[in-house]
PDB file of N, CA and C in Angstrom:
ATOM      1  N   MET A   1     -30.918 -28.400 113.473  1.00  0.00           N
ATOM      2  CA  MET A   1     -32.142 -28.829 112.847  1.00  0.00           C
ATOM      3  C   MET A   1     -32.013 -28.616 111.341  1.00  0.00           C
ATOM      4  N   THR A   2     -32.268 -29.632 110.584  1.00  0.00           N
ATOM      5  CA  THR A   2     -32.187 -29.522 109.129  1.00  0.00           C
ATOM      6  C   THR A   2     -33.580 -29.613 108.548  1.00  0.00           C
ATOM      7  N   ARG A   3     -33.768 -28.838 107.522  1.00  0.00           N
ATOM      8  CA  ARG A   3     -35.048 -28.867 106.817  1.00  0.00           C
ATOM      9  C   ARG A   3     -34.916 -29.738 105.588  1.00  0.00           C
ATOM     10  N   ALA A   4     -35.929 -30.495 105.340  1.00  0.00           N
ATOM     11  CA  ALA A   4     -35.956 -31.293 104.118  1.00  0.00           C
ATOM     12  C   ALA A   4     -36.366 -30.382 102.963  1.00  0.00           C
ATOM     13  N   ILE A   5     -35.584 -30.407 101.922  1.00  0.00           N
ATOM     14  CA  ILE A   5     -35.894 -29.607 100.738  1.00  0.00           C
ATOM     15  C   ILE A   5     -36.804 -30.437  99.851  1.00  0.00           C
ATOM     16  N   GLU A   6     -37.925 -29.848  99.517  1.00  0.00           N
ATOM     17  CA  GLU A   6     -38.884 -30.559  98.684  1.00  0.00           C
ATOM     18  C   GLU A   6     -38.342 -30.645  97.265  1.00  0.00           C
ATOM     19  N   ARG A   7     -38.281 -31.840  96.767  1.00  0.00           N
ATOM     20  CA  ARG A   7     -37.806 -32.034  95.399  1.00  0.00           C
ATOM     21  C   ARG A   7     -39.019 -32.113  94.495  1.00  0.00           C
ATOM     22  N   ARG A   8     -38.978 -31.309  93.474  1.00  0.00           N
ATOM     23  CA  ARG A   8     -40.124 -31.243  92.587  1.00  0.00           C
ATOM     24  C   ARG A   8     -39.612 -31.344  91.155  1.00  0.00           C
ATOM     25  N   GLU A   9     -40.263 -32.157  90.385  1.00  0.00           N
ATOM     26  CA  GLU A   9     -39.865 -32.312  88.984  1.00  0.00           C
ATOM     27  C   GLU A   9     -40.625 -31.304  88.131  1.00  0.00           C
ATOM     28  N   VAL A  10     -39.906 -30.694  87.219  1.00  0.00           N
ATOM     29  CA  VAL A  10     -40.500 -29.716  86.318  1.00  0.00           C
ATOM     30  C   VAL A  10     -40.288 -30.215  84.899  1.00  0.00           C
ATOM     31  N   ALA A  11     -41.357 -30.235  84.139  1.00  0.00           N
ATOM     32  CA  ALA A  11     -41.258 -30.668  82.747  1.00  0.00           C
ATOM     33  C   ALA A  11     -40.493 -29.614  81.947  1.00  0.00           C
ATOM     34  N   LEU A  12     -39.744 -30.058  80.971  1.00  0.00           N
ATOM     35  CA  LEU A  12     -38.959 -29.152  80.134  1.00  0.00           C
ATOM     36  C   LEU A  12     -39.855 -28.129  79.446  1.00  0.00           C
ATOM     37  N   VAL A  13     -41.028 -28.550  79.026  1.00  0.00           N
ATOM     38  CA  VAL A  13     -41.961 -27.634  78.356  1.00  0.00           C
ATOM     39  C   VAL A  13     -42.380 -26.515  79.307  1.00  0.00           C
ATOM     40  N   ASP A  14     -42.655 -26.856  80.562  1.00  0.00           N
ATOM     41  CA  ASP A  14     -43.038 -25.835  81.542  1.00  0.00           C
ATOM     42  C   ASP A  14     -41.892 -24.863  81.804  1.00  0.00           C
ATOM     43  N   LEU A  15     -40.690 -25.391  81.888  1.00  0.00           N
ATOM     44  CA  LEU A  15     -39.521 -24.544  82.110  1.00  0.00           C
ATOM     45  C   LEU A  15     -39.317 -23.581  80.943  1.00  0.00           C
ATOM     46  N   LEU A  16     -39.402 -24.087  79.722  1.00  0.00           N
ATOM     47  CA  LEU A  16     -39.258 -23.230  78.538  1.00  0.00           C
ATOM     48  C   LEU A  16     -40.353 -22.173  78.485  1.00  0.00           C
ATOM     49  N   ASP A  17     -41.567 -22.555  78.846  1.00  0.00           N
ATOM     50  CA  ASP A  17     -42.677 -21.608  78.842  1.00  0.00           C
ATOM     51  C   ASP A  17     -42.413 -20.453  79.802  1.00  0.00           C
ATOM     52  N   ARG A  18     -41.920 -20.758  80.985  1.00  0.00           N
ATOM     53  CA  ARG A  18     -41.624 -19.708  81.969  1.00  0.00           C
ATOM     54  C   ARG A  18     -40.473 -18.816  81.503  1.00  0.00           C
ATOM     55  N   VAL A  19     -39.448 -19.424  80.925  1.00  0.00           N
ATOM     56  CA  VAL A  19     -38.295 -18.643  80.451  1.00  0.00           C
ATOM     57  C   VAL A  19     -38.704 -17.732  79.307  1.00  0.00           C
ATOM     58  N   LEU A  20     -39.455 -18.265  78.346  1.00  0.00           N
ATOM     59  CA  LEU A  20     -39.848 -17.464  77.192  1.00  0.00           C
ATOM     60  C   LEU A  20     -40.854 -16.384  77.562  1.00  0.00           C
ATOM     61  N   ALA A  21     -41.686 -16.628  78.545  1.00  0.00           N
ATOM     62  CA  ALA A  21     -42.673 -15.625  78.959  1.00  0.00           C
ATOM     63  C   ALA A  21     -41.982 -14.400  79.551  1.00  0.00           C
ATOM     64  N   GLY A  22     -40.944 -14.613  80.324  1.00  0.00           N
ATOM     65  CA  GLY A  22     -40.256 -13.485  80.947  1.00  0.00           C
ATOM     66  C   GLY A  22     -39.017 -13.053  80.200  1.00  0.00           C
ATOM     67  N   GLY A  23     -38.418 -13.961  79.464  1.00  0.00           N
ATOM     68  CA  GLY A  23     -37.188 -13.661  78.752  1.00  0.00           C
ATOM     69  C   GLY A  23     -35.969 -13.927  79.612  1.00  0.00           C
ATOM     70  N   VAL A  24     -34.868 -14.171  78.954  1.00  0.00           N
ATOM     71  CA  VAL A  24     -33.617 -14.424  79.654  1.00  0.00           C
ATOM     72  C   VAL A  24     -32.481 -13.863  78.806  1.00  0.00           C
ATOM     73  N   VAL A  25     -31.477 -13.338  79.458  1.00  0.00           N
ATOM     74  CA  VAL A  25     -30.300 -12.812  78.764  1.00  0.00           C
ATOM     75  C   VAL A  25     -29.132 -13.739  79.049  1.00  0.00           C
ATOM     76  N   ILE A  26     -28.447 -14.132  77.992  1.00  0.00           N
ATOM     77  CA  ILE A  26     -27.264 -14.981  78.119  1.00  0.00           C
ATOM     78  C   ILE A  26     -26.066 -14.163  77.657  1.00  0.00           C
ATOM     79  N   ALA A  27     -25.038 -14.132  78.467  1.00  0.00           N
ATOM     80  CA  ALA A  27     -23.823 -13.404  78.106  1.00  0.00           C
ATOM     81  C   ALA A  27     -22.627 -14.288  78.404  1.00  0.00           C
ATOM     82  N   GLY A  28     -21.657 -14.242  77.515  1.00  0.00           N
ATOM     83  CA  GLY A  28     -20.463 -15.042  77.732  1.00  0.00           C
ATOM     84  C   GLY A  28     -19.308 -14.548  76.891  1.00  0.00           C
ATOM     85  N   GLU A  29     -18.158 -15.059  77.189  1.00  0.00           N
ATOM     86  CA  GLU A  29     -16.954 -14.667  76.468  1.00  0.00           C
ATOM     87  C   GLU A  29     -16.032 -15.872  76.360  1.00  0.00           C
ATOM     88  N   ILE A  30     -15.495 -16.077  75.172  1.00  0.00           N
ATOM     89  CA  ILE A  30     -14.572 -17.186  74.924  1.00  0.00           C
ATOM     90  C   ILE A  30     -13.296 -16.609  74.329  1.00  0.00           C
ATOM     91  N   THR A  31     -12.166 -17.026  74.839  1.00  0.00           N
ATOM     92  CA  THR A  31     -10.877 -16.608  74.292  1.00  0.00           C
ATOM     93  C   THR A  31     -10.065 -17.847  73.965  1.00  0.00           C
ATOM     94  N   LEU A  32      -9.651 -17.954  72.714  1.00  0.00           N
ATOM     95  CA  LEU A  32      -8.808 -19.059  72.270  1.00  0.00           C
ATOM     96  C   LEU A  32      -7.370 -18.555  72.240  1.00  0.00           C
ATOM     97  N   SER A  33      -6.520 -19.203  73.015  1.00  0.00           N
ATOM     98  CA  SER A  33      -5.127 -18.756  73.058  1.00  0.00           C
ATOM     99  C   SER A  33      -4.191 -19.956  73.008  1.00  0.00           C
ATOM    100  N   ILE A  34      -3.023 -19.697  72.443  1.00  0.00           N
ATOM    101  CA  ILE A  34      -1.962 -20.707  72.381  1.00  0.00           C
ATOM    102  C   ILE A  34      -0.699 -20.047  72.918  1.00  0.00           C
ATOM    103  N   ALA A  35      -0.055 -20.700  73.866  1.00  0.00           N
ATOM    104  CA  ALA A  35       1.185 -20.194  74.474  1.00  0.00           C
ATOM    105  C   ALA A  35       0.991 -18.787  75.031  1.00  0.00           C
ATOM    106  N   ASP A  36      -0.107 -18.593  75.723  1.00  0.00           N
ATOM    107  CA  ASP A  36      -0.450 -17.304  76.333  1.00  0.00           C
ATOM    108  C   ASP A  36      -0.577 -16.161  75.335  1.00  0.00           C
ATOM    109  N   ILE A  37      -0.869 -16.485  74.080  1.00  0.00           N
ATOM    110  CA  ILE A  37      -1.125 -15.468  73.060  1.00  0.00           C
ATOM    111  C   ILE A  37      -2.580 -15.620  72.638  1.00  0.00           C
ATOM    112  N   ASP A  38      -3.371 -14.578  72.874  1.00  0.00           N
ATOM    113  CA  ASP A  38      -4.779 -14.615  72.502  1.00  0.00           C
ATOM    114  C   ASP A  38      -4.908 -14.554  70.986  1.00  0.00           C
ATOM    115  N   LEU A  39      -5.533 -15.577  70.414  1.00  0.00           N
ATOM    116  CA  LEU A  39      -5.714 -15.624  68.969  1.00  0.00           C
ATOM    117  C   LEU A  39      -7.116 -15.187  68.557  1.00  0.00           C
ATOM    118  N   VAL A  40      -8.112 -15.665  69.277  1.00  0.00           N
ATOM    119  CA  VAL A  40      -9.502 -15.366  68.932  1.00  0.00           C
ATOM    120  C   VAL A  40     -10.258 -15.032  70.213  1.00  0.00           C
ATOM    121  N   ARG A  41     -11.053 -13.978  70.141  1.00  0.00           N
ATOM    122  CA  ARG A  41     -11.904 -13.617  71.275  1.00  0.00           C
ATOM    123  C   ARG A  41     -13.326 -13.450  70.759  1.00  0.00           C
ATOM    124  N   ILE A  42     -14.247 -14.146  71.387  1.00  0.00           N
ATOM    125  CA  ILE A  42     -15.650 -14.094  70.987  1.00  0.00           C
ATOM    126  C   ILE A  42     -16.469 -13.644  72.189  1.00  0.00           C
ATOM    127  N   SER A  43     -17.248 -12.598  71.999  1.00  0.00           N
ATOM    128  CA  SER A  43     -18.178 -12.137  73.030  1.00  0.00           C
ATOM    129  C   SER A  43     -19.588 -12.435  72.552  1.00  0.00           C
ATOM    130  N   LEU A  44     -20.408 -12.942  73.452  1.00  0.00           N
ATOM    131  CA  LEU A  44     -21.770 -13.322  73.103  1.00  0.00           C
ATOM    132  C   LEU A  44     -22.735 -12.663  74.070  1.00  0.00           C
ATOM    133  N   ARG A  45     -23.732 -12.018  73.518  1.00  0.00           N
ATOM    134  CA  ARG A  45     -24.850 -11.499  74.306  1.00  0.00           C
ATOM    135  C   ARG A  45     -26.110 -11.836  73.535  1.00  0.00           C
ATOM    136  N   ALA A  46     -27.007 -12.567  74.166  1.00  0.00           N
ATOM    137  CA  ALA A  46     -28.228 -12.993  73.490  1.00  0.00           C
ATOM    138  C   ALA A  46     -29.430 -12.784  74.397  1.00  0.00           C
ATOM    139  N   LEU A  47     -30.517 -12.331  73.809  1.00  0.00           N
ATOM    140  CA  LEU A  47     -31.789 -12.213  74.503  1.00  0.00           C
ATOM    141  C   LEU A  47     -32.695 -13.294  73.953  1.00  0.00           C
ATOM    142  N   ILE A  48     -33.197 -14.126  74.837  1.00  0.00           N
ATOM    143  CA  ILE A  48     -34.098 -15.193  74.424  1.00  0.00           C
ATOM    144  C   ILE A  48     -35.451 -14.910  75.057  1.00  0.00           C
ATOM    145  N   ALA A  49     -36.452 -14.682  74.207  1.00  0.00           N
ATOM    146  CA  ALA A  49     -37.812 -14.416  74.680  1.00  0.00           C
ATOM    147  C   ALA A  49     -38.771 -14.781  73.561  1.00  0.00           C
ATOM    148  N   SER A  50     -40.011 -14.967  73.915  1.00  0.00           N
ATOM    149  CA  SER A  50     -41.002 -15.271  72.887  1.00  0.00           C
ATOM    150  C   SER A  50     -41.307 -14.002  72.101  1.00  0.00           C
ATOM    151  N   VAL A  51     -41.751 -14.167  70.881  1.00  0.00           N
ATOM    152  CA  VAL A  51     -42.100 -13.017  70.046  1.00  0.00           C
ATOM    153  C   VAL A  51     -43.267 -12.270  70.676  1.00  0.00           C
ATOM    154  N   ARG A  52     -44.204 -12.992  71.243  1.00  0.00           N
ATOM    155  CA  ARG A  52     -45.358 -12.357  71.878  1.00  0.00           C
ATOM    156  C   ARG A  52     -44.913 -11.474  73.043  1.00  0.00           C
ATOM    157  N   ALA A  53     -44.018 -11.965  73.874  1.00  0.00           N
ATOM    158  CA  ALA A  53     -43.541 -11.177  75.016  1.00  0.00           C
ATOM    159  C   ALA A  53     -42.825  -9.919  74.536  1.00  0.00           C
ATOM    160  N   GLU A  54     -42.011 -10.028  73.501  1.00  0.00           N
ATOM    161  CA  GLU A  54     -41.298  -8.864  72.977  1.00  0.00           C
ATOM    162  C   GLU A  54     -42.256  -7.874  72.336  1.00  0.00           C
ATOM    163  N   ASN A  55     -43.265  -8.367  71.600  1.00  0.00           N
ATOM    164  CA  ASN A  55     -44.237  -7.467  70.984  1.00  0.00           C
ATOM    165  C   ASN A  55     -45.039  -6.723  72.035  1.00  0.00           C
ATOM    166  N   GLU A  56     -45.433  -7.406  73.112  1.00  0.00           N
ATOM    167  CA  GLU A  56     -46.176  -6.745  74.179  1.00  0.00           C
ATOM    168  C   GLU A  56     -45.315  -5.689  74.852  1.00  0.00           C
ATOM    169  N   GLU A  57     -44.065  -5.994  75.105  1.00  0.00           N
ATOM    170  CA  GLU A  57     -43.153  -5.037  75.742  1.00  0.00           C
ATOM    171  C   GLU A  57     -42.921  -3.842  74.818  1.00  0.00           C
ATOM    172  N   GLY A  58     -42.736  -4.111  73.533  1.00  0.00           N
ATOM    173  CA  GLY A  58     -42.530  -3.033  72.574  1.00  0.00           C
ATOM    174  C   GLY A  58     -43.761  -2.161  72.428  1.00  0.00           C
ATOM    175  N   ALA A  59     -44.939  -2.779  72.423  1.00  0.00           N
ATOM    176  CA  ALA A  59     -46.179  -2.018  72.314  1.00  0.00           C
ATOM    177  C   ALA A  59     -46.373  -1.143  73.541  1.00  0.00           C
ATOM    178  N   GLU A  60     -46.031  -1.648  74.701  1.00  0.00           N
ATOM    179  CA  GLU A  60     -46.143  -0.861  75.937  1.00  0.00           C
ATOM    180  C   GLU A  60     -45.212   0.347  75.873  1.00  0.00           C
ATOM    181  N   GLY A  61     -44.009   0.158  75.386  1.00  0.00           N
ATOM    182  CA  GLY A  61     -43.066   1.262  75.245  1.00  0.00           C
ATOM    183  C   GLY A  61     -43.541   2.277  74.226  1.00  0.00           C
ATOM    184  N   ASP A  62     -44.152   1.805  73.123  1.00  0.00           N
ATOM    185  CA  ASP A  62     -44.684   2.707  72.111  1.00  0.00           C
ATOM    186  C   ASP A  62     -45.798   3.570  72.681  1.00  0.00           C
ATOM    187  N   ARG A  63     -46.647   2.981  73.524  1.00  0.00           N
ATOM    188  CA  ARG A  63     -47.733   3.750  74.128  1.00  0.00           C
ATOM    189  C   ARG A  63     -47.184   4.878  74.989  1.00  0.00           C
ATOM    190  N   HIS A  64     -46.136   4.588  75.752  1.00  0.00           N
ATOM    191  CA  HIS A  64     -45.533   5.624  76.591  1.00  0.00           C
ATOM    192  C   HIS A  64     -44.907   6.714  75.727  1.00  0.00           C
ATOM    193  N   ASP A  65     -44.266   6.338  74.618  1.00  0.00           N
ATOM    194  CA  ASP A  65     -43.649   7.322  73.734  1.00  0.00           C
ATOM    195  C   ASP A  65     -44.699   8.240  73.125  1.00  0.00           C
ATOM    196  N   ARG A  66     -45.818   7.664  72.669  1.00  0.00           N
ATOM    197  CA  ARG A  66     -46.878   8.484  72.077  1.00  0.00           C
ATOM    198  C   ARG A  66     -47.462   9.436  73.112  1.00  0.00           C
ATOM    199  N   HIS A  67     -47.635   8.958  74.345  1.00  0.00           N
ATOM    200  CA  HIS A  67     -48.169   9.810  75.410  1.00  0.00           C
ATOM    201  C   HIS A  67     -47.208  10.961  75.694  1.00  0.00           C
ATOM    202  N   ASP A  68     -45.914  10.679  75.734  1.00  0.00           N
ATOM    203  CA  ASP A  68     -44.920  11.726  75.980  1.00  0.00           C
ATOM    204  C   ASP A  68     -44.948  12.773  74.879  1.00  0.00           C
ATOM    205  N   ARG A  69     -45.108  12.348  73.633  1.00  0.00           N
ATOM    206  CA  ARG A  69     -45.124  13.299  72.523  1.00  0.00           C
ATOM    207  C   ARG A  69     -46.331  14.222  72.620  1.00  0.00           C
ATOM    208  N   ARG A  70     -47.497  13.654  72.998  1.00  0.00           N
ATOM    209  CA  ARG A  70     -48.697  14.483  73.129  1.00  0.00           C
ATOM    210  C   ARG A  70     -48.549  15.496  74.255  1.00  0.00           C
ATOM    211  N   GLU A  71     -47.857  15.096  75.307  1.00  0.00           N
ATOM    212  CA  GLU A  71     -47.677  15.974  76.463  1.00  0.00           C
ATOM    213  C   GLU A  71     -46.500  16.925  76.284  1.00  0.00           C
ATOM    214  N   GLY A  72     -45.789  16.809  75.175  1.00  0.00           N
ATOM    215  CA  GLY A  72     -44.643  17.678  74.944  1.00  0.00           C
ATOM    216  C   GLY A  72     -43.389  17.195  75.637  1.00  0.00           C
ATOM    217  N   GLY A  73     -43.363  15.912  76.000  1.00  0.00           N
ATOM    218  CA  GLY A  73     -42.211  15.346  76.698  1.00  0.00           C
ATOM    219  C   GLY A  73     -41.097  14.982  75.738  1.00  0.00           C
ATOM    220  N   PRO A  74     -40.056  14.339  76.244  1.00  0.00           N
ATOM    221  CA  PRO A  74     -38.914  13.971  75.401  1.00  0.00           C
ATOM    222  C   PRO A  74     -39.302  12.951  74.347  1.00  0.00           C
ATOM    223  N   ARG A  75     -38.638  13.003  73.221  1.00  0.00           N
ATOM    224  CA  ARG A  75     -38.915  12.058  72.135  1.00  0.00           C
ATOM    225  C   ARG A  75     -37.879  11.003  72.054  1.00  0.00           C
TER     226      ARG A  75
END
């Protein structure tokens, strides 16, 4: 028995909105070599998120840090 997979179209704007709301990490590595000799190696790590999402996450972390300091917890 096979199930039909529902195909649904998603607008690019909606996709970007979901990605930026939660954030996404992109990581990759490129090596340029000639005759099995590595000449150039590039490592890439990027975080893509909206400024609002990052500010909210940072503010939440700041609140926890301030609470820990008042309670005598780690800084």
